[in-house]
Amino acid sequence: MNKQELLSRITLNPDICHGKPTIRGLRYPVENMLELLAAGMTIEELLEDYPDLEQEDILACISYASQLVHLKSIHKIAS
């Protein structure tokens, strides 16, 4: 599966999860999947916990995040 096919799995819909990027229009925000991966979960563990997801969905999340870091500039938001 090429990068564009993977990225097509990430959808934006203002009526789902407040318009955050989700996987295939389901209520699984990309942000949550990335946080779980960053916390140490494996793709296999995610797929066990979320049986309606596919490996390509998780790879799409990673690919989406990769695209975001290619932005020309990133600005720090006050915390």
N, C-alpha and C. Protein backbone atom coordinates (compact mmCIF):
# COMPACT_ATOMS: atom_id res chain seq x y z
N MET A 1 0.86 -1.18 0.00
CA MET A 1 0.00 0.00 0.00
C MET A 1 0.90 1.23 0.00
N ASN A 2 0.64 2.15 -0.93
CA ASN A 2 1.49 3.33 -1.00
C ASN A 2 1.03 4.40 -0.01
N LYS A 3 1.82 5.46 0.10
CA LYS A 3 1.59 6.49 1.11
C LYS A 3 0.23 7.17 0.93
N GLN A 4 -0.14 7.45 -0.31
CA GLN A 4 -1.43 8.11 -0.56
C GLN A 4 -2.60 7.21 -0.16
N GLU A 5 -2.48 5.92 -0.42
CA GLU A 5 -3.54 4.99 -0.01
C GLU A 5 -3.65 4.95 1.50
N LEU A 6 -2.50 4.95 2.18
CA LEU A 6 -2.52 4.97 3.64
C LEU A 6 -3.19 6.24 4.14
N LEU A 7 -2.78 7.38 3.60
CA LEU A 7 -3.32 8.65 4.07
C LEU A 7 -4.81 8.80 3.78
N SER A 8 -5.31 8.08 2.78
CA SER A 8 -6.74 8.16 2.48
C SER A 8 -7.57 7.52 3.60
N ARG A 9 -6.94 6.75 4.47
CA ARG A 9 -7.63 6.15 5.61
C ARG A 9 -7.89 7.16 6.72
N ILE A 10 -7.20 8.29 6.67
CA ILE A 10 -7.37 9.34 7.68
C ILE A 10 -8.42 10.32 7.16
N THR A 11 -9.47 10.50 7.94
CA THR A 11 -10.57 11.33 7.51
C THR A 11 -10.81 12.48 8.48
N LEU A 12 -11.36 13.55 7.94
CA LEU A 12 -11.73 14.72 8.73
C LEU A 12 -13.22 14.97 8.51
N ASN A 13 -13.96 14.99 9.60
CA ASN A 13 -15.40 15.24 9.52
C ASN A 13 -15.78 16.06 10.74
N PRO A 14 -16.31 17.26 10.53
CA PRO A 14 -16.64 18.11 11.68
C PRO A 14 -17.66 17.48 12.64
N ASP A 15 -18.39 16.48 12.17
CA ASP A 15 -19.40 15.83 13.01
C ASP A 15 -18.86 14.63 13.80
N ILE A 16 -17.61 14.28 13.56
CA ILE A 16 -17.01 13.13 14.25
C ILE A 16 -15.80 13.61 15.03
N CYS A 17 -15.81 13.37 16.33
CA CYS A 17 -14.69 13.72 17.22
C CYS A 17 -14.27 15.18 17.08
N HIS A 18 -15.26 16.06 16.97
CA HIS A 18 -15.01 17.51 16.89
C HIS A 18 -14.11 17.90 15.72
N GLY A 19 -14.16 17.12 14.65
CA GLY A 19 -13.38 17.44 13.47
C GLY A 19 -11.93 17.02 13.51
N LYS A 20 -11.53 16.31 14.56
CA LYS A 20 -10.15 15.83 14.63
C LYS A 20 -9.95 14.72 13.60
N PRO A 21 -8.72 14.53 13.12
CA PRO A 21 -8.46 13.44 12.19
C PRO A 21 -8.77 12.10 12.85
N THR A 22 -9.52 11.27 12.14
CA THR A 22 -9.87 9.94 12.64
C THR A 22 -9.53 8.89 11.60
N ILE A 23 -9.62 7.65 12.03
CA ILE A 23 -9.34 6.53 11.14
C ILE A 23 -10.64 6.11 10.45
N ARG A 24 -10.66 6.20 9.14
CA ARG A 24 -11.77 5.76 8.29
C ARG A 24 -13.14 6.23 8.75
N GLY A 25 -13.22 7.43 9.29
CA GLY A 25 -14.50 7.97 9.71
C GLY A 25 -15.05 7.34 10.98
N LEU A 26 -14.26 6.46 11.57
CA LEU A 26 -14.66 5.84 12.83
C LEU A 26 -14.31 6.80 13.96
N ARG A 27 -14.75 6.51 15.13
CA ARG A 27 -14.47 7.40 16.26
C ARG A 27 -13.16 7.03 16.96
N TYR A 28 -12.13 6.86 16.16
CA TYR A 28 -10.79 6.59 16.67
C TYR A 28 -9.88 7.72 16.21
N PRO A 29 -9.67 8.72 17.05
CA PRO A 29 -8.79 9.83 16.65
C PRO A 29 -7.35 9.36 16.45
N VAL A 30 -6.74 9.89 15.42
CA VAL A 30 -5.33 9.61 15.14
C VAL A 30 -4.50 9.93 16.38
N GLU A 31 -4.80 11.03 17.00
CA GLU A 31 -4.09 11.48 18.20
C GLU A 31 -4.04 10.39 19.28
N ASN A 32 -5.15 9.73 19.52
CA ASN A 32 -5.20 8.69 20.55
C ASN A 32 -4.33 7.49 20.18
N MET A 33 -4.38 7.08 18.92
CA MET A 33 -3.58 5.94 18.49
C MET A 33 -2.08 6.25 18.62
N LEU A 34 -1.70 7.48 18.26
CA LEU A 34 -0.30 7.88 18.38
C LEU A 34 0.14 7.93 19.83
N GLU A 35 -0.74 8.41 20.71
CA GLU A 35 -0.41 8.45 22.14
C GLU A 35 -0.22 7.04 22.70
N LEU A 36 -1.05 6.12 22.27
CA LEU A 36 -0.92 4.73 22.74
C LEU A 36 0.39 4.12 22.25
N LEU A 37 0.74 4.38 20.99
CA LEU A 37 2.01 3.88 20.46
C LEU A 37 3.18 4.51 21.22
N ALA A 38 3.10 5.81 21.47
CA ALA A 38 4.17 6.50 22.20
C ALA A 38 4.31 5.99 23.63
N ALA A 39 3.20 5.50 24.20
CA ALA A 39 3.23 4.97 25.56
C ALA A 39 3.80 3.55 25.60
N GLY A 40 4.06 2.98 24.43
CA GLY A 40 4.70 1.68 24.40
C GLY A 40 3.86 0.53 23.88
N MET A 41 2.61 0.80 23.53
CA MET A 41 1.80 -0.28 22.96
C MET A 41 2.34 -0.64 21.58
N THR A 42 2.24 -1.90 21.25
CA THR A 42 2.65 -2.34 19.91
C THR A 42 1.44 -2.28 18.99
N ILE A 43 1.71 -2.34 17.70
CA ILE A 43 0.62 -2.38 16.73
C ILE A 43 -0.25 -3.60 17.00
N GLU A 44 0.37 -4.72 17.32
CA GLU A 44 -0.39 -5.94 17.59
C GLU A 44 -1.33 -5.76 18.78
N GLU A 45 -0.85 -5.10 19.84
CA GLU A 45 -1.68 -4.85 21.01
C GLU A 45 -2.85 -3.93 20.67
N LEU A 46 -2.59 -2.91 19.87
CA LEU A 46 -3.67 -2.01 19.45
C LEU A 46 -4.73 -2.78 18.67
N LEU A 47 -4.29 -3.64 17.77
CA LEU A 47 -5.24 -4.40 16.97
C LEU A 47 -6.04 -5.38 17.82
N GLU A 48 -5.45 -5.90 18.88
CA GLU A 48 -6.19 -6.77 19.80
C GLU A 48 -7.24 -5.96 20.56
N ASP A 49 -6.88 -4.75 21.00
CA ASP A 49 -7.79 -3.90 21.76
C ASP A 49 -8.87 -3.27 20.90
N TYR A 50 -8.58 -3.06 19.62
CA TYR A 50 -9.51 -2.41 18.70
C TYR A 50 -9.67 -3.31 17.47
N PRO A 51 -10.45 -4.38 17.58
CA PRO A 51 -10.54 -5.38 16.52
C PRO A 51 -11.11 -4.86 15.19
N ASP A 52 -11.79 -3.72 15.19
CA ASP A 52 -12.30 -3.21 13.92
C ASP A 52 -11.26 -2.39 13.16
N LEU A 53 -10.05 -2.25 13.73
CA LEU A 53 -8.96 -1.58 13.03
C LEU A 53 -8.07 -2.60 12.34
N GLU A 54 -7.34 -2.12 11.34
CA GLU A 54 -6.41 -2.96 10.58
C GLU A 54 -5.00 -2.38 10.71
N GLN A 55 -4.02 -3.20 10.45
CA GLN A 55 -2.63 -2.74 10.56
C GLN A 55 -2.40 -1.49 9.71
N GLU A 56 -2.99 -1.44 8.54
CA GLU A 56 -2.83 -0.28 7.67
C GLU A 56 -3.37 1.00 8.31
N ASP A 57 -4.39 0.88 9.17
CA ASP A 57 -4.92 2.05 9.87
C ASP A 57 -3.88 2.65 10.80
N ILE A 58 -3.17 1.79 11.50
CA ILE A 58 -2.14 2.26 12.43
C ILE A 58 -0.97 2.86 11.64
N LEU A 59 -0.60 2.21 10.56
CA LEU A 59 0.46 2.75 9.70
C LEU A 59 0.04 4.09 9.10
N ALA A 60 -1.24 4.24 8.81
CA ALA A 60 -1.75 5.52 8.29
C ALA A 60 -1.60 6.62 9.33
N CYS A 61 -1.84 6.30 10.59
CA CYS A 61 -1.66 7.28 11.66
C CYS A 61 -0.22 7.75 11.73
N ILE A 62 0.70 6.81 11.64
CA ILE A 62 2.12 7.15 11.68
C ILE A 62 2.51 7.99 10.47
N SER A 63 2.00 7.62 9.31
CA SER A 63 2.29 8.36 8.09
C SER A 63 1.71 9.78 8.17
N TYR A 64 0.52 9.90 8.73
CA TYR A 64 -0.11 11.21 8.90
C TYR A 64 0.76 12.10 9.81
N ALA A 65 1.22 11.53 10.91
CA ALA A 65 2.09 12.29 11.83
C ALA A 65 3.38 12.69 11.13
N SER A 66 3.90 11.82 10.31
CA SER A 66 5.12 12.12 9.56
C SER A 66 4.91 13.31 8.64
N GLN A 67 3.75 13.38 8.00
CA GLN A 67 3.44 14.51 7.13
C GLN A 67 3.37 15.82 7.92
N LEU A 68 2.84 15.75 9.12
CA LEU A 68 2.70 16.96 9.93
C LEU A 68 4.05 17.56 10.31
N VAL A 69 5.06 16.73 10.53
CA VAL A 69 6.36 17.28 10.92
C VAL A 69 7.12 17.85 9.73
N HIS A 70 6.59 17.68 8.54
CA HIS A 70 7.21 18.28 7.36
C HIS A 70 6.70 19.69 7.08
N LEU A 71 5.92 20.24 7.99
CA LEU A 71 5.44 21.60 7.83
C LEU A 71 6.63 22.55 7.79
N LYS A 72 6.48 23.66 7.12
CA LYS A 72 7.58 24.61 6.98
C LYS A 72 7.94 25.28 8.29
N SER A 73 6.97 25.48 9.16
CA SER A 73 7.29 26.09 10.45
C SER A 73 6.34 25.55 11.52
N ILE A 74 6.88 25.46 12.71
CA ILE A 74 6.11 25.01 13.86
C ILE A 74 6.25 26.08 14.92
N HIS A 75 5.15 26.49 15.49
CA HIS A 75 5.15 27.55 16.50
C HIS A 75 4.78 26.97 17.85
N LYS A 76 5.53 27.36 18.86
CA LYS A 76 5.25 26.92 20.21
C LYS A 76 3.97 27.59 20.71
N ILE A 77 3.11 26.79 21.31
CA ILE A 77 1.88 27.32 21.89
C ILE A 77 2.12 27.51 23.37
N ALA A 78 1.74 28.66 23.88
CA ALA A 78 1.93 28.94 25.31
C ALA A 78 1.22 27.88 26.14
N SER A 79 1.89 27.42 27.18
CA SER A 79 1.27 26.41 28.04
C SER A 79 0.83 26.97 29.36
